[in-house]
Amino acid sequence: MANKLSLVAFSGDFDKLTAVFTMATGAAAVGYEVNIFFTFWGLDALKKKQGRSFVGGTALTKMFGFFMGGLKVAPVSRLNFWGLSGKIFRSLERKNNVATLEELVDAAKVLGINFYACEMAMHILGLSREDFIPEVKDVIGVATFLQISEGGQTLFI
């Protein structure tokens, strides 16, 4: 098996995105090729506009875009405490000298981790490539992601 790690980022939850970026940056730091396929709510990590914004093509998809909100307001999957848990976790991360989610994303960019956006999920959510950060390498489908990830380990988070 090649030194390759491919991750499917399905969730936009703070803790799950933290796991994705922790695994990705750790693997890249020791020389692995790392690919992350962001789909459905995971696409939230790639949004150019952070915070709540109405992105999308229709009223319904704009509503989804608003509720997704971006990394800065990503909810925690359990015990979200009305949106406060992300702030609490960031505080705990800083207190314990652990990289925050935003720092992990920045590290992933510096380490050259490949970000891929799911074409199907983008269509469903009414998003376009212009809605995402420039580090998105490509918009692809599942078949292409399978080809890219072939020969390595693939994790679904």
C-alpha atoms as a PDB file:
ATOM      1  CA  MET A   1       0.000   0.000   0.000  1.00  0.00           C
ATOM      2  CA  ALA A   2       1.352   3.425  -0.964  1.00  0.00           C
ATOM      3  CA  ASN A   3       1.938   6.215   1.544  1.00  0.00           C
ATOM      4  CA  LYS A   4      -1.362   7.751   0.593  1.00  0.00           C
ATOM      5  CA  LEU A   5      -4.290   8.745   2.768  1.00  0.00           C
ATOM      6  CA  SER A   6      -7.636   9.758   1.318  1.00  0.00           C
ATOM      7  CA  LEU A   7     -10.391  11.101   3.538  1.00  0.00           C
ATOM      8  CA  VAL A   8     -14.070  11.636   2.871  1.00  0.00           C
ATOM      9  CA  ALA A   9     -15.265  14.680   4.843  1.00  0.00           C
ATOM     10  CA  PHE A  10     -19.031  14.195   4.981  1.00  0.00           C
ATOM     11  CA  SER A  11     -19.803  16.254   8.073  1.00  0.00           C
ATOM     12  CA  GLY A  12     -19.567  19.959   8.767  1.00  0.00           C
ATOM     13  CA  ASP A  13     -19.409  19.336  12.511  1.00  0.00           C
ATOM     14  CA  PHE A  14     -16.529  20.959  14.377  1.00  0.00           C
ATOM     15  CA  ASP A  15     -15.282  17.764  16.005  1.00  0.00           C
ATOM     16  CA  LYS A  16     -15.474  15.704  12.823  1.00  0.00           C
ATOM     17  CA  LEU A  17     -13.730  18.365  10.742  1.00  0.00           C
ATOM     18  CA  THR A  18     -11.070  18.589  13.451  1.00  0.00           C
ATOM     19  CA  ALA A  19     -10.556  14.824  13.123  1.00  0.00           C
ATOM     20  CA  VAL A  20     -10.315  15.099   9.320  1.00  0.00           C
ATOM     21  CA  PHE A  21      -7.729  17.863   9.437  1.00  0.00           C
ATOM     22  CA  THR A  22      -5.769  16.280  12.306  1.00  0.00           C
ATOM     23  CA  MET A  23      -5.445  13.001  10.397  1.00  0.00           C
ATOM     24  CA  ALA A  24      -4.674  14.818   7.151  1.00  0.00           C
ATOM     25  CA  THR A  25      -1.989  17.122   8.522  1.00  0.00           C
ATOM     26  CA  GLY A  26      -0.402  14.350  10.580  1.00  0.00           C
ATOM     27  CA  ALA A  27      -0.150  12.118   7.529  1.00  0.00           C
ATOM     28  CA  ALA A  28       1.150  14.907   5.295  1.00  0.00           C
ATOM     29  CA  ALA A  29       3.744  15.864   7.924  1.00  0.00           C
ATOM     30  CA  VAL A  30       5.284  12.378   7.683  1.00  0.00           C
ATOM     31  CA  GLY A  31       5.341  12.344   3.887  1.00  0.00           C
ATOM     32  CA  TYR A  32       1.987  10.903   2.866  1.00  0.00           C
ATOM     33  CA  GLU A  33       0.096  12.104  -0.166  1.00  0.00           C
ATOM     34  CA  VAL A  34      -3.220  13.298   1.299  1.00  0.00           C
ATOM     35  CA  ASN A  35      -6.498  13.817  -0.529  1.00  0.00           C
ATOM     36  CA  ILE A  36      -9.693  15.069   1.078  1.00  0.00           C
ATOM     37  CA  PHE A  37     -13.040  14.685  -0.703  1.00  0.00           C
ATOM     38  CA  PHE A  38     -15.546  17.132   0.791  1.00  0.00           C
ATOM     39  CA  THR A  39     -19.181  16.212   0.257  1.00  0.00           C
ATOM     40  CA  PHE A  40     -22.533  17.496   1.540  1.00  0.00           C
ATOM     41  CA  TRP A  41     -22.053  19.294   4.872  1.00  0.00           C
ATOM     42  CA  GLY A  42     -18.303  18.738   4.684  1.00  0.00           C
ATOM     43  CA  LEU A  43     -18.256  21.301   1.863  1.00  0.00           C
ATOM     44  CA  ASP A  44     -18.810  23.896   4.580  1.00  0.00           C
ATOM     45  CA  ALA A  45     -15.102  23.673   5.446  1.00  0.00           C
ATOM     46  CA  LEU A  46     -14.241  24.982   1.976  1.00  0.00           C
ATOM     47  CA  LYS A  47     -16.563  27.978   1.880  1.00  0.00           C
ATOM     48  CA  LYS A  48     -14.964  31.268   0.977  1.00  0.00           C
ATOM     49  CA  LYS A  49     -17.528  33.264   2.968  1.00  0.00           C
ATOM     50  CA  GLN A  50     -17.212  32.432   6.634  1.00  0.00           C
ATOM     51  CA  GLY A  51     -20.093  33.006   8.989  1.00  0.00           C
ATOM     52  CA  ARG A  52     -23.708  32.840   8.004  1.00  0.00           C
ATOM     53  CA  SER A  53     -24.278  33.846   4.379  1.00  0.00           C
ATOM     54  CA  PHE A  54     -26.896  33.096   1.780  1.00  0.00           C
ATOM     55  CA  VAL A  55     -24.950  31.118  -0.829  1.00  0.00           C
ATOM     56  CA  GLY A  56     -26.679  28.885  -3.337  1.00  0.00           C
ATOM     57  CA  GLY A  57     -28.878  29.228  -6.373  1.00  0.00           C
ATOM     58  CA  THR A  58     -32.438  28.989  -5.057  1.00  0.00           C
ATOM     59  CA  ALA A  59     -34.223  30.159  -1.913  1.00  0.00           C
ATOM     60  CA  LEU A  60     -33.991  26.653  -0.442  1.00  0.00           C
ATOM     61  CA  THR A  61     -30.286  26.200  -1.183  1.00  0.00           C
ATOM     62  CA  LYS A  62     -29.549  29.719   0.100  1.00  0.00           C
ATOM     63  CA  MET A  63     -31.250  28.729   3.343  1.00  0.00           C
ATOM     64  CA  PHE A  64     -28.976  25.654   3.560  1.00  0.00           C
ATOM     65  CA  GLY A  65     -25.994  27.931   2.888  1.00  0.00           C
ATOM     66  CA  PHE A  66     -27.050  30.231   5.694  1.00  0.00           C
ATOM     67  CA  PHE A  67     -27.492  27.451   8.225  1.00  0.00           C
ATOM     68  CA  MET A  68     -24.192  25.804   7.290  1.00  0.00           C
ATOM     69  CA  GLY A  69     -22.287  28.927   8.289  1.00  0.00           C
ATOM     70  CA  GLY A  70     -18.641  27.976   7.729  1.00  0.00           C
ATOM     71  CA  LEU A  71     -15.844  26.876  10.026  1.00  0.00           C
ATOM     72  CA  LYS A  72     -16.213  29.702  12.526  1.00  0.00           C
ATOM     73  CA  VAL A  73     -19.722  28.599  13.501  1.00  0.00           C
ATOM     74  CA  ALA A  74     -19.425  24.852  12.872  1.00  0.00           C
ATOM     75  CA  PRO A  75     -21.526  23.026  15.469  1.00  0.00           C
ATOM     76  CA  VAL A  76     -20.187  20.242  17.660  1.00  0.00           C
ATOM     77  CA  SER A  77     -21.882  16.913  16.900  1.00  0.00           C
ATOM     78  CA  ARG A  78     -22.920  16.316  20.531  1.00  0.00           C
ATOM     79  CA  LEU A  79     -23.625  18.717  23.361  1.00  0.00           C
ATOM     80  CA  ASN A  80     -23.468  21.784  21.120  1.00  0.00           C
ATOM     81  CA  PHE A  81     -24.910  24.050  23.859  1.00  0.00           C
ATOM     82  CA  TRP A  82     -26.732  26.355  21.418  1.00  0.00           C
ATOM     83  CA  GLY A  83     -23.594  26.968  19.402  1.00  0.00           C
ATOM     84  CA  LEU A  84     -21.221  27.630  22.290  1.00  0.00           C
ATOM     85  CA  SER A  85     -19.348  24.321  22.181  1.00  0.00           C
ATOM     86  CA  GLY A  86     -17.144  25.335  19.249  1.00  0.00           C
ATOM     87  CA  LYS A  87     -15.956  28.359  21.217  1.00  0.00           C
ATOM     88  CA  ILE A  88     -15.443  26.214  24.306  1.00  0.00           C
ATOM     89  CA  PHE A  89     -13.385  23.671  22.350  1.00  0.00           C
ATOM     90  CA  ARG A  90     -11.263  26.386  20.731  1.00  0.00           C
ATOM     91  CA  SER A  91     -10.565  27.779  24.187  1.00  0.00           C
ATOM     92  CA  LEU A  92      -9.588  24.319  25.456  1.00  0.00           C
ATOM     93  CA  GLU A  93      -7.379  23.754  22.416  1.00  0.00           C
ATOM     94  CA  ARG A  94      -5.507  27.017  23.000  1.00  0.00           C
ATOM     95  CA  LYS A  95      -5.247  26.351  26.751  1.00  0.00           C
ATOM     96  CA  ASN A  96      -3.749  22.917  26.043  1.00  0.00           C
ATOM     97  CA  ASN A  97      -1.497  24.168  23.236  1.00  0.00           C
ATOM     98  CA  VAL A  98      -3.365  22.159  20.592  1.00  0.00           C
ATOM     99  CA  ALA A  99      -3.953  23.491  17.087  1.00  0.00           C
ATOM    100  CA  THR A 100      -7.424  24.930  16.503  1.00  0.00           C
ATOM    101  CA  LEU A 101      -9.527  23.830  13.555  1.00  0.00           C
ATOM    102  CA  GLU A 102      -8.618  26.991  11.647  1.00  0.00           C
ATOM    103  CA  GLU A 103      -4.899  26.416  12.341  1.00  0.00           C
ATOM    104  CA  LEU A 104      -5.216  22.829  11.094  1.00  0.00           C
ATOM    105  CA  VAL A 105      -6.866  24.053   7.883  1.00  0.00           C
ATOM    106  CA  ASP A 106      -4.060  26.572   7.376  1.00  0.00           C
ATOM    107  CA  ALA A 107      -1.478  23.829   8.004  1.00  0.00           C
ATOM    108  CA  ALA A 108      -3.215  21.592   5.460  1.00  0.00           C
ATOM    109  CA  LYS A 109      -2.875  24.336   2.853  1.00  0.00           C
ATOM    110  CA  VAL A 110       0.833  24.803   3.621  1.00  0.00           C
ATOM    111  CA  LEU A 111       1.447  21.035   3.542  1.00  0.00           C
ATOM    112  CA  GLY A 112      -0.073  20.794   0.054  1.00  0.00           C
ATOM    113  CA  ILE A 113      -2.994  18.562   0.972  1.00  0.00           C
ATOM    114  CA  ASN A 114      -5.329  18.094  -1.985  1.00  0.00           C
ATOM    115  CA  PHE A 115      -8.856  19.434  -1.436  1.00  0.00           C
ATOM    116  CA  TYR A 116     -11.583  18.100  -3.731  1.00  0.00           C
ATOM    117  CA  ALA A 117     -15.202  19.252  -3.773  1.00  0.00           C
ATOM    118  CA  CYS A 118     -17.988  16.778  -4.578  1.00  0.00           C
ATOM    119  CA  GLU A 119     -19.702  17.770  -7.795  1.00  0.00           C
ATOM    120  CA  MET A 120     -23.000  16.028  -6.973  1.00  0.00           C
ATOM    121  CA  ALA A 121     -23.325  17.615  -3.520  1.00  0.00           C
ATOM    122  CA  MET A 122     -22.516  21.023  -5.003  1.00  0.00           C
ATOM    123  CA  HIS A 123     -25.369  20.638  -7.488  1.00  0.00           C
ATOM    124  CA  ILE A 124     -27.797  19.580  -4.779  1.00  0.00           C
ATOM    125  CA  LEU A 125     -26.794  22.474  -2.503  1.00  0.00           C
ATOM    126  CA  GLY A 126     -26.740  25.002  -5.347  1.00  0.00           C
ATOM    127  CA  LEU A 127     -23.055  25.826  -4.880  1.00  0.00           C
ATOM    128  CA  SER A 128     -20.478  26.765  -7.492  1.00  0.00           C
ATOM    129  CA  ARG A 129     -16.700  26.649  -7.526  1.00  0.00           C
ATOM    130  CA  GLU A 130     -16.655  30.411  -6.890  1.00  0.00           C
ATOM    131  CA  ASP A 131     -18.202  29.744  -3.447  1.00  0.00           C
ATOM    132  CA  PHE A 132     -15.036  27.938  -2.320  1.00  0.00           C
ATOM    133  CA  ILE A 133     -11.515  28.842  -1.268  1.00  0.00           C
ATOM    134  CA  PRO A 134      -8.911  28.864  -4.070  1.00  0.00           C
ATOM    135  CA  GLU A 135      -7.082  25.860  -2.570  1.00  0.00           C
ATOM    136  CA  VAL A 136      -9.794  23.523  -3.893  1.00  0.00           C
ATOM    137  CA  LYS A 137      -7.805  21.557  -6.447  1.00  0.00           C
ATOM    138  CA  ASP A 138     -10.805  20.345  -8.411  1.00  0.00           C
ATOM    139  CA  VAL A 139     -14.514  19.593  -8.430  1.00  0.00           C
ATOM    140  CA  ILE A 140     -14.882  15.853  -8.983  1.00  0.00           C
ATOM    141  CA  GLY A 141     -17.272  12.934  -8.754  1.00  0.00           C
ATOM    142  CA  VAL A 142     -16.986   9.708  -6.830  1.00  0.00           C
ATOM    143  CA  ALA A 143     -15.413   7.738  -9.679  1.00  0.00           C
ATOM    144  CA  THR A 144     -12.578  10.248 -10.013  1.00  0.00           C
ATOM    145  CA  PHE A 145     -12.044  10.289  -6.239  1.00  0.00           C
ATOM    146  CA  LEU A 146     -11.785   6.493  -6.259  1.00  0.00           C
ATOM    147  CA  GLN A 147      -9.114   6.697  -8.963  1.00  0.00           C
ATOM    148  CA  ILE A 148      -7.190   9.356  -7.018  1.00  0.00           C
ATOM    149  CA  SER A 149      -7.351   7.363  -3.781  1.00  0.00           C
ATOM    150  CA  GLU A 150      -6.471   4.007  -5.351  1.00  0.00           C
ATOM    151  CA  GLY A 151      -3.553   2.230  -3.718  1.00  0.00           C
ATOM    152  CA  GLY A 152      -3.797   3.969  -0.361  1.00  0.00           C
ATOM    153  CA  GLN A 153      -5.908   4.010   2.764  1.00  0.00           C
ATOM    154  CA  THR A 154      -9.347   5.671   2.658  1.00  0.00           C
ATOM    155  CA  LEU A 155     -11.228   6.880   5.734  1.00  0.00           C
ATOM    156  CA  PHE A 156     -14.772   8.205   5.973  1.00  0.00           C
ATOM    157  CA  ILE A 157     -15.282  10.850   8.692  1.00  0.00           C
END
